[in-house]
Structures are given as structure tokens and as C-alpha cells.
Amino acid sequence: MSTDQLVPKDWAGKLSRLSISTRSKLRGQHKGSHRSARFGASLDFSDFREYAPGDDVRQIDWNVYARTDKYFIKRFLDEQEMRVHVLLDSTKSMGDPLKWTFAKQLAVSLGILVLQRDDRLSFSVVTTEKKPPFRRKGATYRKAFTQTVSELKEPTMIQSFVENAPIFLPKDSTVLFVISDCLESLESWERLLQKLPKFAGDIRILQIVTSDELAPSYTGDVQLEDVETSHQLNVSMSSRVLETYEQERKLHQRGLELLSSKFGVKMVQVNAEDGISHVLFHQLLRANWVQ
């Protein structure tokens, strides 16, 4: 898929109004567009503080001294970079064309938000091959990142996403985005969520669903196949079957939400059919994931 097919040509321009929002402590000493909670020596003035022994005398404001006959020093905001990692699920359940295209659009959009703010982006796909992550900083790499995601092959992995995810994660992220359909068992998700806090201070899961997953439209006698195990099941669709499915789906969803809350992980469910603009400019804004 070409980059023009994945996202519109003017997509980066539209995203320029947004940035990743986080309260997590920023890491690293490299300059970025985000301000940390501590004070340093950038050019952005914060306030005054009365001089104390040991302070740098070069920071004394002599104009204030002339007015008050007291020594005050200037405090400046320290700028640090945000380090964001985007982790993409590529198991076969993500292989629905609509779902997979949408997942890549999400990954590209988040990457652009990071790179255009001069922050550091890393990106990895959980596959059977352990490849080095994409790691870049700065707006000049937006096109290269978009191309990288555009060229991803259709998902074919049949191994567990949640069991393999940790080996694809760096340990120096400010924010971690996990893009997945979250269809694996609650027990396996609990094991992963327990581990994620050591990789980032701010963890966010984007759960991708489709309308057919939320409300199946099948009728009559159908043969269902698990795309990851190839297990086949003959089912006669009825209101009772659909009700049972809906109960199980809601039970799984509620379990995911409870686990996320338990481990301090943020989670937003997004429907691939709503489109990338709706998700970025409405859902993620309301969730305060972007600003």
C-alpha cells in the first residue's frame, strides 16, 4: 500500500494542530517541545525565587534588586523530549483488511504527532521475526516513518501477541501506545499489563474493533473459523446464539477495562469504520490523549 493510499497527502498538516498529551515524567536531556516539572536553563522564564547560598550568582536579577534591595534569581523551565513507543499487534486476527489498514493509519498518525514536535519516536511490530524498531527524532523523518508503516505486510502471526510483546519494547519510553484488537484471553492480558509499567510511565491501549465484531450480521447455517488456530465450528445462527455471543463479548470487554484500571493503564476502544479523523479529532481529544 502506498503512503497516499494510507493517509491523505495533507494529513500531516491537519495533525499539526495536535500533540500528544501526558502528565508522565519526561525523560532524557535532549531538547524537545515539552516542558518538564523541574527547572533548568532554557530561555523560557518561569518566575523569581529569593537567592540562597549556593545559587548561581549569574541568575540574580539586578533590576529586581534595585527595586527591592533583595536578591532574587530567575527560574527557567527545563525542556526535555518526550519518548513515545508505538507497538502494533500483527496476529492473524488483525488481518481483516479494514482493521489492518486502520491500525496502520493509527500508527502513522501517532508517529507524525511525535516527530513533528521534535520528540523521539520508536515503533515496533510484534511478529515472529525480531527486527530492530524504527527509532527517529524530528519532523524530517515523517515521510520515512509513513513509508515504513505503509510497507508492512498483512498479519500472519499465529503466536500470542501479549506473550511476545515485552521483547519488542524499549525501557525508556514516556508514553507507550499499544494498538491491538485485544482478543486474547483476559488471563494473558493480565500478565502483560503487570509487566508494562516497567517500560513506560504512561501506557495507553487502542483497542480496534469492527461493527461485525460488535454485532455480527451472519444468518442461517455458517461455518466459522478461528483465523489463528484454523479451528472450524458449524453454527446455526439464532437469536440465542447472538445473545450468548453478546454476553461473552461484554464480559471480555468489562474484564479488559477492569484490568486496565487495576494496573493504571488507559484504554480506548475505536471502531475502524468510524474513520481516522473521528478517532484523532474526537475520541482521543475527549480522552485527553492528545491536545
Protein backbone atom coordinates (compact mmCIF):
# COMPACT_ATOMS: atom_id res chain seq x y z
CA MET A 1 0.00 0.00 0.00
CA SER A 2 1.39 3.42 -0.97
CA THR A 3 1.61 6.26 1.52
CA ASP A 4 -1.01 8.23 -0.45
CA GLN A 5 -3.46 5.34 -0.06
CA LEU A 6 -2.79 5.01 3.66
CA VAL A 7 -3.23 8.65 4.68
CA PRO A 8 -4.20 11.78 2.71
CA LYS A 9 -1.41 13.98 1.36
CA ASP A 10 -2.35 16.84 3.71
CA TRP A 11 -2.69 14.59 6.78
CA ALA A 12 0.49 15.85 8.47
CA GLY A 13 -0.76 19.42 8.05
CA LYS A 14 -4.07 18.58 9.71
CA LEU A 15 -2.28 16.86 12.57
CA SER A 16 -0.06 19.91 13.16
CA ARG A 17 -2.80 21.29 15.42
CA LEU A 18 -2.47 18.33 17.78
CA SER A 19 0.20 16.98 20.11
CA ILE A 20 0.49 14.02 22.48
CA SER A 21 -0.70 14.92 25.98
CA THR A 22 0.88 13.34 29.05
CA ARG A 23 1.49 14.01 32.72
CA SER A 24 4.17 11.37 32.92
CA LYS A 25 7.67 12.49 33.82
CA LEU A 26 9.62 13.33 30.69
CA ARG A 27 12.89 11.50 30.16
CA GLY A 28 16.22 12.33 28.65
CA GLN A 29 18.24 15.52 28.49
CA HIS A 30 17.69 16.28 24.82
CA LYS A 31 15.74 19.36 23.91
CA GLY A 32 12.16 18.84 22.80
CA SER A 33 8.92 20.77 22.70
CA HIS A 34 7.68 19.57 26.11
CA ARG A 35 8.46 21.12 29.46
CA SER A 36 9.33 19.01 32.44
CA ALA A 37 8.26 19.67 36.01
CA ARG A 38 11.76 20.65 37.07
CA PHE A 39 13.60 23.89 36.38
CA GLY A 40 16.62 24.27 34.18
CA ALA A 41 18.26 26.73 31.84
CA SER A 42 16.05 27.08 28.77
CA LEU A 43 15.14 30.54 27.50
CA ASP A 44 11.56 30.31 28.82
CA PHE A 45 11.21 32.35 32.02
CA SER A 46 9.09 30.89 34.84
CA ASP A 47 9.31 33.07 37.97
CA PHE A 48 11.60 34.50 40.66
CA ARG A 49 12.95 32.89 43.80
CA GLU A 50 14.84 34.56 46.65
CA TYR A 51 18.58 33.97 46.44
CA ALA A 52 20.05 31.27 48.67
CA PRO A 53 23.72 30.41 49.29
CA GLY A 54 24.96 28.11 46.56
CA ASP A 55 22.76 29.57 43.81
CA ASP A 56 24.39 30.73 40.60
CA VAL A 57 25.01 34.46 41.07
CA ARG A 58 24.69 34.92 37.31
CA GLN A 59 20.97 34.27 37.71
CA ILE A 60 20.47 37.23 40.04
CA ASP A 61 18.10 39.81 38.57
CA TRP A 62 19.72 43.18 39.34
CA ASN A 63 16.67 45.15 38.23
CA VAL A 64 14.61 43.44 40.93
CA TYR A 65 17.43 44.10 43.44
CA ALA A 66 17.36 47.82 42.56
CA ARG A 67 13.64 47.95 43.31
CA THR A 68 13.51 45.76 46.42
CA ASP A 69 17.04 45.79 47.82
CA LYS A 70 16.78 41.97 47.91
CA TYR A 71 18.48 39.32 45.84
CA PHE A 72 16.22 37.24 43.61
CA ILE A 73 17.20 34.75 40.94
CA LYS A 74 15.33 33.89 37.77
CA ARG A 75 13.95 30.41 37.26
CA PHE A 76 13.57 28.92 33.81
CA LEU A 77 11.60 25.96 32.57
CA ASP A 78 13.65 22.96 31.54
CA GLU A 79 12.75 21.49 28.17
CA GLN A 80 13.01 17.75 27.68
CA GLU A 81 11.96 15.39 24.97
CA MET A 82 9.04 13.01 25.12
CA ARG A 83 9.87 9.45 24.14
CA VAL A 84 6.94 7.62 22.61
CA HIS A 85 6.81 3.99 21.56
CA VAL A 86 4.06 2.61 19.32
CA LEU A 87 3.57 -1.17 19.49
CA LEU A 88 1.46 -2.84 16.80
CA ASP A 89 -0.26 -6.23 17.02
CA SER A 90 0.21 -8.27 13.82
CA THR A 91 -1.52 -11.52 14.78
CA LYS A 92 -3.88 -13.01 12.21
CA SER A 93 -6.97 -11.67 13.98
CA MET A 94 -5.78 -8.20 12.92
CA GLY A 95 -5.81 -9.33 9.28
CA ASP A 96 -9.26 -8.05 8.40
CA PRO A 97 -8.42 -5.52 5.64
CA LEU A 98 -10.40 -2.71 7.25
CA LYS A 99 -8.96 -3.38 10.70
CA TRP A 100 -5.36 -3.68 9.48
CA THR A 101 -5.49 -0.53 7.35
CA PHE A 102 -6.98 1.38 10.26
CA ALA A 103 -4.34 0.06 12.65
CA LYS A 104 -1.61 1.32 10.33
CA GLN A 105 -3.35 4.70 9.99
CA LEU A 106 -3.38 4.99 13.78
CA ALA A 107 0.31 4.09 13.99
CA VAL A 108 1.25 6.63 11.29
CA SER A 109 -0.84 9.37 12.88
CA LEU A 110 0.65 8.87 16.34
CA GLY A 111 4.14 8.79 14.84
CA ILE A 112 3.58 12.06 12.99
CA LEU A 113 2.33 13.69 16.20
CA VAL A 114 5.56 12.68 17.94
CA LEU A 115 8.02 13.53 15.17
CA GLN A 116 6.56 16.93 14.30
CA ARG A 117 7.09 18.07 17.93
CA ASP A 118 10.78 17.16 17.78
CA ASP A 119 10.23 14.29 20.20
CA ARG A 120 11.69 10.80 19.91
CA LEU A 121 9.63 8.07 18.26
CA SER A 122 10.18 4.34 18.34
CA PHE A 123 7.92 1.83 16.62
CA SER A 124 7.81 -1.95 16.53
CA VAL A 125 5.53 -4.67 15.22
CA VAL A 126 5.12 -7.89 17.17
CA THR A 127 5.98 -10.61 14.65
CA THR A 128 7.74 -13.95 14.57
CA GLU A 129 10.86 -12.06 13.47
CA LYS A 130 12.70 -9.88 15.97
CA LYS A 131 13.52 -6.80 13.94
CA PRO A 132 15.11 -3.59 15.28
CA PRO A 133 12.49 -0.92 15.99
CA PHE A 134 12.13 2.24 13.94
CA ARG A 135 13.81 4.94 16.05
CA ARG A 136 13.95 8.53 14.90
CA LYS A 137 13.56 12.10 16.14
CA GLY A 138 12.35 15.15 14.24
CA ALA A 139 9.86 16.13 11.55
CA THR A 140 12.24 15.24 8.71
CA TYR A 141 11.50 11.56 9.38
CA ARG A 142 7.72 11.76 8.96
CA LYS A 143 7.83 10.54 5.36
CA ALA A 144 10.24 7.71 6.19
CA PHE A 145 8.05 6.53 9.04
CA THR A 146 4.89 6.67 6.94
CA GLN A 147 6.64 4.62 4.27
CA THR A 148 7.79 2.07 6.86
CA VAL A 149 4.25 1.51 8.12
CA SER A 150 2.75 1.52 4.62
CA GLU A 151 5.03 -1.33 3.56
CA LEU A 152 4.03 -3.64 6.43
CA LYS A 153 2.77 -6.99 5.19
CA GLU A 154 -0.60 -8.41 6.15
CA PRO A 155 -0.66 -10.04 9.61
CA THR A 156 0.24 -13.73 9.63
CA MET A 157 1.42 -14.34 13.20
CA ILE A 158 -0.36 -17.17 15.00
CA GLN A 159 1.64 -16.96 18.22
CA SER A 160 0.36 -14.91 21.16
CA PHE A 161 0.69 -11.14 20.84
CA VAL A 162 0.58 -10.48 24.59
CA GLU A 163 3.15 -13.16 25.42
CA ASN A 164 5.64 -11.86 22.84
CA ALA A 165 5.03 -8.11 23.23
CA PRO A 166 7.60 -7.40 26.01
CA ILE A 167 10.61 -8.41 23.90
CA PHE A 168 9.70 -5.71 21.36
CA LEU A 169 9.55 -2.89 23.91
CA PRO A 170 12.26 -0.39 24.86
CA LYS A 171 12.55 0.51 28.55
CA ASP A 172 12.95 4.26 28.16
CA SER A 173 9.51 5.44 26.97
CA THR A 174 7.49 8.32 28.35
CA VAL A 175 4.33 7.11 26.63
CA LEU A 176 3.57 3.64 25.26
CA PHE A 177 0.76 3.12 22.75
CA VAL A 178 -0.41 -0.46 22.20
CA ILE A 179 -2.54 -1.00 19.08
CA SER A 180 -4.41 -4.30 19.20
CA ASP A 181 -7.86 -5.88 18.92
CA CYS A 182 -7.33 -7.32 22.42
CA LEU A 183 -8.98 -10.64 21.56
CA GLU A 184 -6.65 -12.86 23.58
CA SER A 185 -7.67 -14.22 26.96
CA LEU A 186 -8.05 -11.99 29.99
CA GLU A 187 -5.51 -14.13 31.85
CA SER A 188 -2.83 -13.45 29.24
CA TRP A 189 -3.67 -9.73 29.15
CA GLU A 190 -3.34 -9.56 32.91
CA ARG A 191 0.18 -10.99 32.70
CA LEU A 192 1.14 -8.39 30.10
CA LEU A 193 -0.42 -5.44 31.93
CA GLN A 194 1.54 -6.39 35.05
CA LYS A 195 4.79 -6.03 33.10
CA LEU A 196 4.09 -2.86 31.10
CA PRO A 197 4.74 -0.24 33.85
CA LYS A 198 8.47 -1.03 33.78
CA PHE A 199 8.55 0.06 30.12
CA ALA A 200 6.72 3.41 30.37
CA GLY A 201 5.08 5.72 32.86
CA ASP A 202 2.04 6.38 30.67
CA ILE A 203 0.52 3.31 29.00
CA ARG A 204 -2.37 3.51 26.54
CA ILE A 205 -4.18 0.76 24.68
CA LEU A 206 -6.05 1.45 21.46
CA GLN A 207 -8.44 -1.45 21.03
CA ILE A 208 -9.57 -1.75 17.41
CA VAL A 209 -12.94 -3.31 16.71
CA THR A 210 -15.24 -3.59 13.69
CA SER A 211 -19.02 -3.36 13.52
CA ASP A 212 -19.23 -7.06 12.63
CA GLU A 213 -17.36 -7.92 15.83
CA LEU A 214 -19.68 -5.75 17.89
CA ALA A 215 -22.88 -7.03 16.24
CA PRO A 216 -22.42 -9.99 13.84
CA SER A 217 -24.66 -9.87 10.80
CA TYR A 218 -24.49 -13.58 9.97
CA THR A 219 -27.71 -15.54 9.38
CA GLY A 220 -28.57 -19.19 8.76
CA ASP A 221 -26.08 -22.04 8.96
CA VAL A 222 -22.49 -20.80 8.83
CA GLN A 223 -19.05 -22.29 9.31
CA LEU A 224 -16.84 -20.14 11.49
CA GLU A 225 -13.07 -20.45 11.53
CA ASP A 226 -10.57 -19.19 14.07
CA VAL A 227 -8.06 -17.40 11.86
CA GLU A 228 -5.21 -18.07 14.29
CA THR A 229 -5.83 -21.74 15.07
CA SER A 230 -7.78 -22.72 11.90
CA HIS A 231 -10.31 -24.43 14.17
CA GLN A 232 -13.69 -24.65 12.42
CA LEU A 233 -17.11 -24.59 14.00
CA ASN A 234 -20.51 -25.11 12.38
CA VAL A 235 -23.13 -22.79 13.86
CA SER A 236 -26.81 -22.24 13.19
CA MET A 237 -27.27 -18.55 13.82
CA SER A 238 -30.20 -17.74 16.08
CA SER A 239 -31.21 -15.03 18.50
CA ARG A 240 -29.99 -17.23 21.35
CA VAL A 241 -26.56 -17.70 19.74
CA LEU A 242 -26.26 -13.95 19.15
CA GLU A 243 -27.31 -13.17 22.72
CA THR A 244 -24.70 -15.58 24.07
CA TYR A 245 -22.05 -14.01 21.87
CA GLU A 246 -23.03 -10.54 23.05
CA GLN A 247 -22.84 -11.61 26.70
CA GLU A 248 -19.39 -13.13 26.22
CA ARG A 249 -18.15 -10.10 24.31
CA LYS A 250 -19.33 -7.70 27.02
CA LEU A 251 -17.83 -9.93 29.72
CA HIS A 252 -14.46 -9.87 27.93
CA GLN A 253 -14.65 -6.11 27.41
CA ARG A 254 -15.54 -5.44 31.02
CA GLY A 255 -12.67 -7.64 32.12
CA LEU A 256 -10.22 -5.71 29.96
CA GLU A 257 -11.44 -2.41 31.37
CA LEU A 258 -11.15 -3.65 34.97
CA LEU A 259 -7.61 -4.97 34.36
CA SER A 260 -6.58 -1.71 32.73
CA SER A 261 -7.89 0.26 35.68
CA LYS A 262 -6.18 -2.10 38.14
CA PHE A 263 -2.75 -1.56 36.58
CA GLY A 264 -3.15 2.15 35.80
CA VAL A 265 -3.40 1.63 32.04
CA LYS A 266 -5.59 3.86 29.88
CA MET A 267 -7.76 2.24 27.25
CA VAL A 268 -9.93 3.49 24.38
CA GLN A 269 -11.97 1.28 22.08
CA VAL A 270 -12.09 2.56 18.49
CA ASN A 271 -14.24 1.32 15.63
CA ALA A 272 -12.32 1.06 12.36
CA GLU A 273 -15.44 2.12 10.46
CA ASP A 274 -15.58 5.48 12.27
CA GLY A 275 -12.51 6.63 10.36
CA ILE A 276 -9.17 8.02 11.45
CA SER A 277 -10.32 11.67 11.60
CA HIS A 278 -13.12 10.88 14.06
CA VAL A 279 -10.78 8.92 16.32
CA LEU A 280 -8.00 11.52 16.37
CA PHE A 281 -10.05 14.72 16.49
CA HIS A 282 -12.92 13.49 18.65
CA GLN A 283 -12.27 10.35 20.68
CA LEU A 284 -8.62 10.95 21.58
CA LEU A 285 -9.25 14.64 22.23
CA ARG A 286 -12.10 13.79 24.61
CA ALA A 287 -9.92 11.21 26.32
CA ASN A 288 -7.20 13.89 26.68
CA TRP A 289 -4.69 11.63 24.92
CA VAL A 290 -4.00 14.49 22.52
CA GLN A 291 -4.38 18.21 22.94
